[in-house]
Amino acid sequence: MTTLAPDLSQEQYIVDVNGNKTAVILSIELYEQMLEDIHDLAIVAERRSEPSISLAEMKKRLNSHETLSN
């Protein structure tokens, strides 16, 4: 997951007649970055109940598929 600090100077707000913020305008770059972060967090939440494995077990699995170079 790649998370960059948002450039808050790019945000623009739409306010109602009382000065209350009702909407925000973001750059496409920041919007897409936020969507990607939300997607990544959803995947983490979905996989939270999966059992974890040790680093040694993961290396063993990768070596068995020849995807890990020594």
Protein backbone atom coordinates (compact mmCIF):
# COMPACT_ATOMS: atom_id res chain seq x y z
CA MET A 1 0.00 0.00 0.00
CA THR A 2 1.46 3.32 -1.00
CA THR A 3 0.33 6.20 1.12
CA LEU A 4 1.58 9.69 0.47
CA ALA A 5 0.82 12.66 2.65
CA PRO A 6 -1.97 14.59 0.96
CA ASP A 7 -1.23 18.10 -0.21
CA LEU A 8 -3.92 19.91 1.73
CA SER A 9 -3.35 23.07 -0.28
CA GLN A 10 -5.02 21.31 -3.22
CA GLU A 11 -8.33 20.93 -1.40
CA GLN A 12 -11.12 23.37 -2.13
CA TYR A 13 -14.37 23.48 -0.23
CA ILE A 14 -17.87 24.35 -1.30
CA VAL A 15 -19.81 26.08 1.44
CA ASP A 16 -23.46 26.85 1.95
CA VAL A 17 -24.87 30.33 2.66
CA ASN A 18 -24.02 29.88 6.35
CA GLY A 19 -20.38 29.08 5.63
CA ASN A 20 -20.73 25.36 6.45
CA LYS A 21 -18.60 23.06 4.33
CA THR A 22 -20.86 20.90 2.16
CA ALA A 23 -18.45 19.39 -0.37
CA VAL A 24 -14.77 19.18 -1.23
CA ILE A 25 -12.93 19.37 -4.51
CA LEU A 26 -9.77 17.25 -4.74
CA SER A 27 -7.18 16.80 -7.44
CA ILE A 28 -7.68 13.68 -9.53
CA GLU A 29 -4.30 12.42 -8.28
CA LEU A 30 -5.32 12.72 -4.62
CA TYR A 31 -8.77 11.24 -5.30
CA GLU A 32 -7.31 8.21 -7.09
CA GLN A 33 -4.73 7.77 -4.32
CA MET A 34 -7.50 7.77 -1.72
CA LEU A 35 -9.50 5.20 -3.72
CA GLU A 36 -6.43 2.95 -3.89
CA ASP A 37 -5.89 3.28 -0.13
CA ILE A 38 -9.54 2.41 0.55
CA HIS A 39 -9.25 -0.63 -1.72
CA ASP A 40 -6.08 -1.77 0.07
CA LEU A 41 -7.75 -1.37 3.47
CA ALA A 42 -10.76 -3.38 2.28
CA ILE A 43 -8.47 -6.23 1.25
CA VAL A 44 -6.75 -6.15 4.64
CA ALA A 45 -10.14 -6.26 6.39
CA GLU A 46 -11.28 -9.22 4.25
CA ARG A 47 -8.12 -11.18 5.01
CA ARG A 48 -7.97 -10.36 8.72
CA SER A 49 -9.40 -13.75 9.72
CA GLU A 50 -6.95 -15.74 7.57
CA PRO A 51 -4.30 -17.63 9.52
CA SER A 52 -0.83 -16.15 9.46
CA ILE A 53 2.32 -18.06 8.52
CA SER A 54 5.92 -17.63 9.59
CA LEU A 55 8.56 -16.02 7.41
CA ALA A 56 10.34 -19.38 7.21
CA GLU A 57 7.15 -21.05 5.92
CA MET A 58 6.65 -18.30 3.35
CA LYS A 59 10.24 -18.68 2.11
CA LYS A 60 9.72 -22.45 1.90
CA ARG A 61 6.59 -21.95 -0.22
CA LEU A 62 8.29 -19.43 -2.50
CA ASN A 63 11.34 -21.68 -2.94
CA SER A 64 9.11 -24.61 -3.85
CA HIS A 65 7.64 -22.51 -6.66
CA GLU A 66 11.07 -21.14 -7.65
CA THR A 67 9.93 -17.55 -7.13
CA LEU A 68 12.52 -16.68 -4.51
CA SER A 69 16.12 -16.15 -5.58
CA ASN A 70 18.82 -16.79 -3.01
